Amino acid sequence: MGDLDIRAAVAEDIPAIVAMLADDALGAQRESPDDLGPYLAALERLTADPNQRLVVAVREGRVVGTLQLTIIPGLSRRGSTRSIIEGVRVHADERGSGLGTRFIEWAIEESRQENCQLVQLTSDNTRTDAHRFYERLGFVASHVGFKLQL
């Protein structure tokens, strides 16, 4: 894998993160790389919340991946804490390099350190390659998800 650093995202990373979010058919419809204001405001909110981790993977000074990990204390499952992995993106020229696996393993370990009993994620129905990837890492498609656009 070479030299790779996983660290908290900072404002200077936002253009690269947004570019990765927009780099597919779904993201291209909902992201706005030409207007970084909302993303910078979101980074401020995320940074201020101790239960949020927006991280980047950096290789040779270049952002090559991102993900968000949210820690959620809960009452169900005997007061279990769970984590949610969201917004996983790997730069196009890094796909297939093992970075995605390393990223998810990082998130799982971070969840363990936070005493989470469950790690969950969602993936759009159309992302069949991603579904196979997550299943290879031990995730089970156990639930049906619903969303309500506000």
N, C-alpha and C. Protein backbone atom coordinates (compact mmCIF):
# COMPACT_ATOMS: atom_id res chain seq x y z
N MET A 1 0.82 -1.20 0.00
CA MET A 1 0.00 0.00 0.00
C MET A 1 0.85 1.25 0.00
N GLY A 2 2.09 1.13 0.38
CA GLY A 2 2.94 2.32 0.40
C GLY A 2 2.62 3.19 1.58
N ASP A 3 3.13 4.38 1.56
CA ASP A 3 2.99 5.33 2.65
C ASP A 3 1.59 5.94 2.63
N LEU A 4 0.78 5.65 3.66
CA LEU A 4 -0.58 6.14 3.73
C LEU A 4 -0.84 6.66 5.13
N ASP A 5 -1.45 7.83 5.22
CA ASP A 5 -1.80 8.43 6.50
C ASP A 5 -3.31 8.63 6.53
N ILE A 6 -3.98 8.17 7.59
CA ILE A 6 -5.40 8.44 7.79
C ILE A 6 -5.47 9.45 8.92
N ARG A 7 -6.07 10.60 8.62
CA ARG A 7 -6.11 11.70 9.59
C ARG A 7 -7.42 12.47 9.46
N ALA A 8 -7.67 13.31 10.47
CA ALA A 8 -8.86 14.16 10.44
C ALA A 8 -8.80 15.10 9.24
N ALA A 9 -9.94 15.30 8.61
CA ALA A 9 -10.02 16.24 7.48
C ALA A 9 -9.92 17.66 7.99
N VAL A 10 -9.31 18.51 7.19
CA VAL A 10 -9.21 19.95 7.48
C VAL A 10 -9.76 20.71 6.27
N ALA A 11 -9.96 22.01 6.45
CA ALA A 11 -10.58 22.83 5.40
C ALA A 11 -9.87 22.70 4.06
N GLU A 12 -8.55 22.60 4.09
CA GLU A 12 -7.79 22.50 2.82
C GLU A 12 -8.09 21.21 2.06
N ASP A 13 -8.66 20.21 2.74
CA ASP A 13 -9.00 18.94 2.10
C ASP A 13 -10.35 18.97 1.39
N ILE A 14 -11.17 19.97 1.69
CA ILE A 14 -12.54 19.98 1.19
C ILE A 14 -12.64 19.91 -0.34
N PRO A 15 -11.86 20.65 -1.11
CA PRO A 15 -11.99 20.50 -2.57
C PRO A 15 -11.76 19.06 -3.05
N ALA A 16 -10.76 18.38 -2.50
CA ALA A 16 -10.49 17.00 -2.91
C ALA A 16 -11.60 16.07 -2.45
N ILE A 17 -12.13 16.27 -1.25
CA ILE A 17 -13.22 15.44 -0.75
C ILE A 17 -14.45 15.60 -1.63
N VAL A 18 -14.83 16.84 -1.92
CA VAL A 18 -16.02 17.10 -2.72
C VAL A 18 -15.85 16.54 -4.13
N ALA A 19 -14.66 16.63 -4.67
CA ALA A 19 -14.40 16.07 -6.00
C ALA A 19 -14.65 14.55 -6.00
N MET A 20 -14.22 13.87 -4.92
CA MET A 20 -14.46 12.42 -4.84
C MET A 20 -15.94 12.13 -4.65
N LEU A 21 -16.64 12.94 -3.85
CA LEU A 21 -18.08 12.74 -3.65
C LEU A 21 -18.84 12.90 -4.96
N ALA A 22 -18.38 13.78 -5.82
CA ALA A 22 -19.05 14.07 -7.09
C ALA A 22 -18.63 13.15 -8.23
N ASP A 23 -17.67 12.27 -7.99
CA ASP A 23 -17.05 11.48 -9.06
C ASP A 23 -17.78 10.17 -9.35
N ASP A 24 -19.08 10.21 -9.46
CA ASP A 24 -19.85 9.08 -9.97
C ASP A 24 -21.23 9.58 -10.35
N ALA A 25 -22.03 8.72 -10.96
CA ALA A 25 -23.33 9.16 -11.49
C ALA A 25 -24.24 9.71 -10.39
N LEU A 26 -24.24 9.10 -9.22
CA LEU A 26 -25.09 9.58 -8.13
C LEU A 26 -24.57 10.90 -7.57
N GLY A 27 -23.28 10.95 -7.26
CA GLY A 27 -22.69 12.15 -6.68
C GLY A 27 -22.75 13.35 -7.61
N ALA A 28 -22.60 13.09 -8.89
CA ALA A 28 -22.63 14.19 -9.85
C ALA A 28 -23.97 14.92 -9.84
N GLN A 29 -25.03 14.22 -9.43
CA GLN A 29 -26.36 14.83 -9.38
C GLN A 29 -26.59 15.63 -8.11
N ARG A 30 -25.85 15.32 -7.04
CA ARG A 30 -26.18 15.95 -5.76
C ARG A 30 -25.07 16.78 -5.14
N GLU A 31 -23.88 16.78 -5.69
CA GLU A 31 -22.77 17.54 -5.13
C GLU A 31 -22.49 18.77 -6.00
N SER A 32 -21.87 19.78 -5.38
CA SER A 32 -21.58 21.04 -6.08
C SER A 32 -20.13 21.46 -5.84
N PRO A 33 -19.19 20.90 -6.56
CA PRO A 33 -17.77 21.23 -6.35
C PRO A 33 -17.43 22.70 -6.58
N ASP A 34 -18.30 23.44 -7.28
CA ASP A 34 -18.02 24.86 -7.55
C ASP A 34 -18.45 25.78 -6.41
N ASP A 35 -19.16 25.23 -5.42
CA ASP A 35 -19.62 26.03 -4.27
C ASP A 35 -19.26 25.29 -2.99
N LEU A 36 -18.08 25.60 -2.45
CA LEU A 36 -17.56 24.87 -1.29
C LEU A 36 -18.10 25.39 0.04
N GLY A 37 -18.81 26.51 0.04
CA GLY A 37 -19.31 27.10 1.27
C GLY A 37 -20.09 26.13 2.16
N PRO A 38 -21.08 25.42 1.61
CA PRO A 38 -21.84 24.49 2.45
C PRO A 38 -20.98 23.37 3.03
N TYR A 39 -19.98 22.94 2.29
CA TYR A 39 -19.11 21.86 2.76
C TYR A 39 -18.20 22.35 3.89
N LEU A 40 -17.71 23.57 3.76
CA LEU A 40 -16.87 24.14 4.82
C LEU A 40 -17.69 24.34 6.10
N ALA A 41 -18.94 24.77 5.97
CA ALA A 41 -19.82 24.92 7.13
C ALA A 41 -20.08 23.55 7.77
N ALA A 42 -20.28 22.54 6.94
CA ALA A 42 -20.50 21.19 7.45
C ALA A 42 -19.26 20.69 8.19
N LEU A 43 -18.07 20.97 7.65
CA LEU A 43 -16.84 20.56 8.32
C LEU A 43 -16.74 21.19 9.71
N GLU A 44 -17.13 22.45 9.82
CA GLU A 44 -17.12 23.10 11.14
C GLU A 44 -18.04 22.38 12.12
N ARG A 45 -19.24 22.02 11.66
CA ARG A 45 -20.18 21.30 12.53
C ARG A 45 -19.63 19.93 12.92
N LEU A 46 -19.06 19.24 11.95
CA LEU A 46 -18.50 17.91 12.23
C LEU A 46 -17.34 17.99 13.21
N THR A 47 -16.47 18.94 13.01
CA THR A 47 -15.30 19.10 13.87
C THR A 47 -15.71 19.42 15.30
N ALA A 48 -16.79 20.15 15.47
CA ALA A 48 -17.26 20.55 16.81
C ALA A 48 -17.96 19.41 17.55
N ASP A 49 -18.35 18.35 16.86
CA ASP A 49 -19.10 17.25 17.45
C ASP A 49 -18.15 16.09 17.78
N PRO A 50 -18.01 15.75 19.06
CA PRO A 50 -17.06 14.70 19.43
C PRO A 50 -17.45 13.30 18.94
N ASN A 51 -18.69 13.14 18.48
CA ASN A 51 -19.12 11.83 17.97
C ASN A 51 -18.95 11.68 16.47
N GLN A 52 -18.33 12.66 15.84
CA GLN A 52 -18.13 12.63 14.39
C GLN A 52 -16.64 12.59 14.06
N ARG A 53 -16.32 11.80 13.07
CA ARG A 53 -14.96 11.77 12.55
C ARG A 53 -15.04 11.80 11.03
N LEU A 54 -14.64 12.92 10.45
CA LEU A 54 -14.51 13.00 9.00
C LEU A 54 -13.01 12.88 8.74
N VAL A 55 -12.63 11.83 8.05
CA VAL A 55 -11.20 11.57 7.87
C VAL A 55 -10.87 11.48 6.39
N VAL A 56 -9.59 11.65 6.12
CA VAL A 56 -9.06 11.48 4.77
C VAL A 56 -7.89 10.52 4.82
N ALA A 57 -7.68 9.86 3.71
CA ALA A 57 -6.48 9.05 3.50
C ALA A 57 -5.58 9.87 2.60
N VAL A 58 -4.33 10.02 3.00
CA VAL A 58 -3.39 10.84 2.26
C VAL A 58 -2.18 9.99 1.90
N ARG A 59 -1.83 10.03 0.62
CA ARG A 59 -0.63 9.35 0.14
C ARG A 59 0.22 10.38 -0.61
N GLU A 60 1.46 10.49 -0.19
CA GLU A 60 2.40 11.42 -0.83
C GLU A 60 1.82 12.83 -0.92
N GLY A 61 1.16 13.27 0.16
CA GLY A 61 0.63 14.62 0.22
C GLY A 61 -0.68 14.83 -0.52
N ARG A 62 -1.25 13.79 -1.09
CA ARG A 62 -2.46 13.89 -1.91
C ARG A 62 -3.60 13.15 -1.23
N VAL A 63 -4.77 13.79 -1.11
CA VAL A 63 -5.95 13.14 -0.54
C VAL A 63 -6.46 12.11 -1.55
N VAL A 64 -6.52 10.84 -1.12
CA VAL A 64 -6.93 9.76 -2.02
C VAL A 64 -8.16 9.01 -1.53
N GLY A 65 -8.70 9.42 -0.39
CA GLY A 65 -9.91 8.79 0.11
C GLY A 65 -10.50 9.58 1.25
N THR A 66 -11.78 9.29 1.54
CA THR A 66 -12.46 9.95 2.65
C THR A 66 -13.55 9.03 3.18
N LEU A 67 -13.89 9.21 4.43
CA LEU A 67 -15.07 8.59 5.02
C LEU A 67 -15.47 9.34 6.27
N GLN A 68 -16.72 9.18 6.64
CA GLN A 68 -17.23 9.77 7.87
C GLN A 68 -17.66 8.63 8.79
N LEU A 69 -17.26 8.71 10.05
CA LEU A 69 -17.64 7.74 11.07
C LEU A 69 -18.40 8.49 12.16
N THR A 70 -19.59 8.02 12.46
CA THR A 70 -20.44 8.63 13.49
C THR A 70 -20.63 7.62 14.61
N ILE A 71 -20.40 8.05 15.84
CA ILE A 71 -20.60 7.22 17.02
C ILE A 71 -21.95 7.61 17.63
N ILE A 72 -22.81 6.61 17.86
CA ILE A 72 -24.15 6.88 18.35
C ILE A 72 -24.41 6.08 19.62
N PRO A 73 -24.41 6.75 20.78
CA PRO A 73 -24.83 6.05 21.99
C PRO A 73 -26.32 5.74 21.87
N GLY A 74 -26.74 4.60 22.40
CA GLY A 74 -28.14 4.24 22.25
C GLY A 74 -28.71 3.55 23.47
N LEU A 75 -30.00 3.35 23.44
CA LEU A 75 -30.70 2.67 24.51
C LEU A 75 -31.01 1.22 24.13
N SER A 76 -31.31 0.99 22.85
CA SER A 76 -31.65 -0.36 22.41
C SER A 76 -30.41 -1.26 22.46
N ARG A 77 -30.67 -2.55 22.35
CA ARG A 77 -29.58 -3.54 22.43
C ARG A 77 -28.82 -3.40 23.74
N ARG A 78 -29.59 -3.23 24.82
CA ARG A 78 -29.03 -3.14 26.17
C ARG A 78 -28.09 -1.95 26.33
N GLY A 79 -28.47 -0.82 25.74
CA GLY A 79 -27.68 0.39 25.88
C GLY A 79 -26.43 0.41 25.02
N SER A 80 -26.48 -0.29 23.90
CA SER A 80 -25.31 -0.40 23.03
C SER A 80 -24.98 0.91 22.33
N THR A 81 -23.71 1.08 22.08
CA THR A 81 -23.23 2.15 21.22
C THR A 81 -22.95 1.54 19.86
N ARG A 82 -23.34 2.24 18.82
CA ARG A 82 -23.08 1.76 17.46
C ARG A 82 -22.35 2.85 16.68
N SER A 83 -21.79 2.46 15.59
CA SER A 83 -21.19 3.45 14.70
C SER A 83 -21.80 3.29 13.31
N ILE A 84 -21.78 4.39 12.59
CA ILE A 84 -22.24 4.39 11.21
C ILE A 84 -21.11 4.89 10.33
N ILE A 85 -20.80 4.12 9.31
CA ILE A 85 -19.80 4.51 8.31
C ILE A 85 -20.58 5.12 7.14
N GLU A 86 -20.17 6.30 6.74
CA GLU A 86 -20.90 7.04 5.71
C GLU A 86 -19.92 7.73 4.77
N GLY A 87 -20.36 8.00 3.55
CA GLY A 87 -19.59 8.82 2.62
C GLY A 87 -18.22 8.25 2.29
N VAL A 88 -18.13 6.95 2.12
CA VAL A 88 -16.85 6.32 1.79
C VAL A 88 -16.54 6.57 0.32
N ARG A 89 -15.40 7.16 0.07
CA ARG A 89 -14.98 7.39 -1.31
C ARG A 89 -13.48 7.14 -1.42
N VAL A 90 -13.10 6.53 -2.52
CA VAL A 90 -11.70 6.30 -2.84
C VAL A 90 -11.46 6.91 -4.22
N HIS A 91 -10.39 7.67 -4.33
CA HIS A 91 -10.05 8.31 -5.61
C HIS A 91 -9.99 7.25 -6.72
N ALA A 92 -10.46 7.61 -7.91
CA ALA A 92 -10.56 6.66 -9.03
C ALA A 92 -9.25 5.93 -9.29
N ASP A 93 -8.12 6.62 -9.22
CA ASP A 93 -6.86 5.93 -9.54
C ASP A 93 -6.31 5.11 -8.38
N GLU A 94 -7.03 5.04 -7.26
CA GLU A 94 -6.64 4.21 -6.11
C GLU A 94 -7.53 2.99 -5.95
N ARG A 95 -8.62 2.93 -6.71
CA ARG A 95 -9.54 1.80 -6.56
C ARG A 95 -8.84 0.51 -6.94
N GLY A 96 -9.07 -0.50 -6.14
CA GLY A 96 -8.43 -1.79 -6.36
C GLY A 96 -7.08 -1.91 -5.69
N SER A 97 -6.64 -0.86 -5.01
CA SER A 97 -5.31 -0.86 -4.38
C SER A 97 -5.31 -1.42 -2.96
N GLY A 98 -6.51 -1.68 -2.41
CA GLY A 98 -6.61 -2.12 -1.02
C GLY A 98 -6.91 -0.98 -0.07
N LEU A 99 -6.97 0.23 -0.58
CA LEU A 99 -7.24 1.38 0.28
C LEU A 99 -8.63 1.28 0.92
N GLY A 100 -9.64 0.89 0.17
CA GLY A 100 -10.99 0.78 0.73
C GLY A 100 -11.02 -0.19 1.90
N THR A 101 -10.37 -1.33 1.75
CA THR A 101 -10.30 -2.31 2.83
C THR A 101 -9.60 -1.72 4.04
N ARG A 102 -8.50 -1.08 3.81
CA ARG A 102 -7.76 -0.47 4.93
C ARG A 102 -8.61 0.60 5.63
N PHE A 103 -9.32 1.36 4.86
CA PHE A 103 -10.19 2.41 5.40
C PHE A 103 -11.29 1.82 6.29
N ILE A 104 -11.98 0.80 5.78
CA ILE A 104 -13.07 0.19 6.56
C ILE A 104 -12.49 -0.50 7.80
N GLU A 105 -11.35 -1.15 7.67
CA GLU A 105 -10.72 -1.75 8.86
C GLU A 105 -10.37 -0.68 9.88
N TRP A 106 -9.92 0.50 9.43
CA TRP A 106 -9.64 1.61 10.35
C TRP A 106 -10.92 1.99 11.09
N ALA A 107 -12.03 2.12 10.35
CA ALA A 107 -13.30 2.53 10.95
C ALA A 107 -13.79 1.49 11.96
N ILE A 108 -13.62 0.23 11.65
CA ILE A 108 -14.03 -0.83 12.57
C ILE A 108 -13.19 -0.77 13.84
N GLU A 109 -11.90 -0.60 13.70
CA GLU A 109 -11.02 -0.51 14.88
C GLU A 109 -11.34 0.73 15.71
N GLU A 110 -11.58 1.84 15.05
CA GLU A 110 -11.97 3.06 15.75
C GLU A 110 -13.27 2.83 16.52
N SER A 111 -14.21 2.09 15.92
CA SER A 111 -15.47 1.76 16.58
C SER A 111 -15.24 0.89 17.81
N ARG A 112 -14.36 -0.07 17.68
CA ARG A 112 -14.00 -0.91 18.84
C ARG A 112 -13.44 -0.07 19.97
N GLN A 113 -12.57 0.86 19.64
CA GLN A 113 -11.98 1.72 20.66
C GLN A 113 -13.02 2.58 21.35
N GLU A 114 -14.13 2.86 20.66
CA GLU A 114 -15.23 3.63 21.23
C GLU A 114 -16.26 2.73 21.92
N ASN A 115 -15.91 1.44 22.07
CA ASN A 115 -16.79 0.45 22.71
C ASN A 115 -18.11 0.25 21.99
N CYS A 116 -18.09 0.38 20.68
CA CYS A 116 -19.29 0.11 19.89
C CYS A 116 -19.52 -1.39 19.83
N GLN A 117 -20.78 -1.77 19.86
CA GLN A 117 -21.14 -3.18 19.72
C GLN A 117 -21.59 -3.52 18.31
N LEU A 118 -21.76 -2.50 17.47
CA LEU A 118 -22.28 -2.71 16.13
C LEU A 118 -21.74 -1.62 15.21
N VAL A 119 -21.35 -2.02 14.02
CA VAL A 119 -20.96 -1.07 12.98
C VAL A 119 -21.95 -1.26 11.84
N GLN A 120 -22.52 -0.16 11.37
CA GLN A 120 -23.47 -0.28 10.28
C GLN A 120 -23.16 0.75 9.20
N LEU A 121 -23.71 0.51 8.03
CA LEU A 121 -23.56 1.43 6.92
C LEU A 121 -24.70 1.21 5.96
N THR A 122 -24.90 2.19 5.11
CA THR A 122 -25.86 2.03 4.02
C THR A 122 -25.13 2.24 2.71
N SER A 123 -25.69 1.67 1.68
CA SER A 123 -25.13 1.81 0.35
C SER A 123 -26.29 1.86 -0.63
N ASP A 124 -26.25 2.79 -1.55
CA ASP A 124 -27.31 2.92 -2.53
C ASP A 124 -27.54 1.59 -3.25
N ASN A 125 -28.82 1.31 -3.54
CA ASN A 125 -29.18 0.06 -4.22
C ASN A 125 -28.40 -0.18 -5.51
N THR A 126 -28.01 0.87 -6.19
CA THR A 126 -27.34 0.73 -7.48
C THR A 126 -25.85 0.40 -7.35
N ARG A 127 -25.29 0.49 -6.17
CA ARG A 127 -23.84 0.28 -5.99
C ARG A 127 -23.53 -1.19 -5.72
N THR A 128 -23.78 -2.05 -6.68
CA THR A 128 -23.61 -3.49 -6.47
C THR A 128 -22.15 -3.87 -6.21
N ASP A 129 -21.20 -3.19 -6.83
CA ASP A 129 -19.79 -3.48 -6.54
C ASP A 129 -19.47 -3.17 -5.09
N ALA A 130 -20.01 -2.07 -4.58
CA ALA A 130 -19.79 -1.71 -3.17
C ALA A 130 -20.42 -2.76 -2.26
N HIS A 131 -21.58 -3.27 -2.63
CA HIS A 131 -22.25 -4.29 -1.81
C HIS A 131 -21.37 -5.53 -1.69
N ARG A 132 -20.80 -5.97 -2.79
CA ARG A 132 -19.90 -7.14 -2.76
C ARG A 132 -18.67 -6.85 -1.90
N PHE A 133 -18.15 -5.65 -2.01
CA PHE A 133 -16.99 -5.23 -1.21
C PHE A 133 -17.31 -5.33 0.29
N TYR A 134 -18.44 -4.75 0.71
CA TYR A 134 -18.79 -4.77 2.13
C TYR A 134 -19.06 -6.18 2.62
N GLU A 135 -19.70 -7.00 1.79
CA GLU A 135 -19.94 -8.40 2.18
C GLU A 135 -18.64 -9.16 2.35
N ARG A 136 -17.65 -8.90 1.49
CA ARG A 136 -16.33 -9.54 1.64
C ARG A 136 -15.69 -9.18 2.98
N LEU A 137 -16.01 -7.98 3.49
CA LEU A 137 -15.44 -7.53 4.76
C LEU A 137 -16.27 -7.98 5.97
N GLY A 138 -17.32 -8.79 5.73
CA GLY A 138 -18.09 -9.35 6.82
C GLY A 138 -19.41 -8.67 7.11
N PHE A 139 -19.75 -7.61 6.40
CA PHE A 139 -21.02 -6.94 6.60
C PHE A 139 -22.13 -7.79 5.99
N VAL A 140 -23.30 -7.76 6.63
CA VAL A 140 -24.46 -8.53 6.17
C VAL A 140 -25.58 -7.56 5.82
N ALA A 141 -26.19 -7.78 4.66
CA ALA A 141 -27.32 -6.96 4.23
C ALA A 141 -28.56 -7.43 4.99
N SER A 142 -28.70 -6.97 6.23
CA SER A 142 -29.71 -7.51 7.14
C SER A 142 -30.98 -6.67 7.24
N HIS A 143 -30.98 -5.44 6.73
CA HIS A 143 -32.11 -4.54 6.91
C HIS A 143 -32.47 -3.87 5.58
N VAL A 144 -33.66 -3.34 5.53
CA VAL A 144 -34.08 -2.51 4.42
C VAL A 144 -34.07 -1.07 4.93
N GLY A 145 -33.44 -0.17 4.20
CA GLY A 145 -33.36 1.22 4.63
C GLY A 145 -34.40 2.08 3.93
N PHE A 146 -34.80 3.13 4.63
CA PHE A 146 -35.77 4.07 4.07
C PHE A 146 -35.24 5.48 4.27
N LYS A 147 -35.57 6.37 3.35
CA LYS A 147 -35.19 7.77 3.45
C LYS A 147 -36.39 8.64 3.11
N LEU A 148 -36.42 9.80 3.71
CA LEU A 148 -37.44 10.79 3.41
C LEU A 148 -36.73 12.10 3.12
N GLN A 149 -36.80 12.56 1.89
CA GLN A 149 -36.15 13.80 1.50
C GLN A 149 -36.88 14.98 2.13
N LEU A 150 -36.15 15.85 2.82
CA LEU A 150 -36.75 17.04 3.44
C LEU A 150 -36.32 18.30 2.73
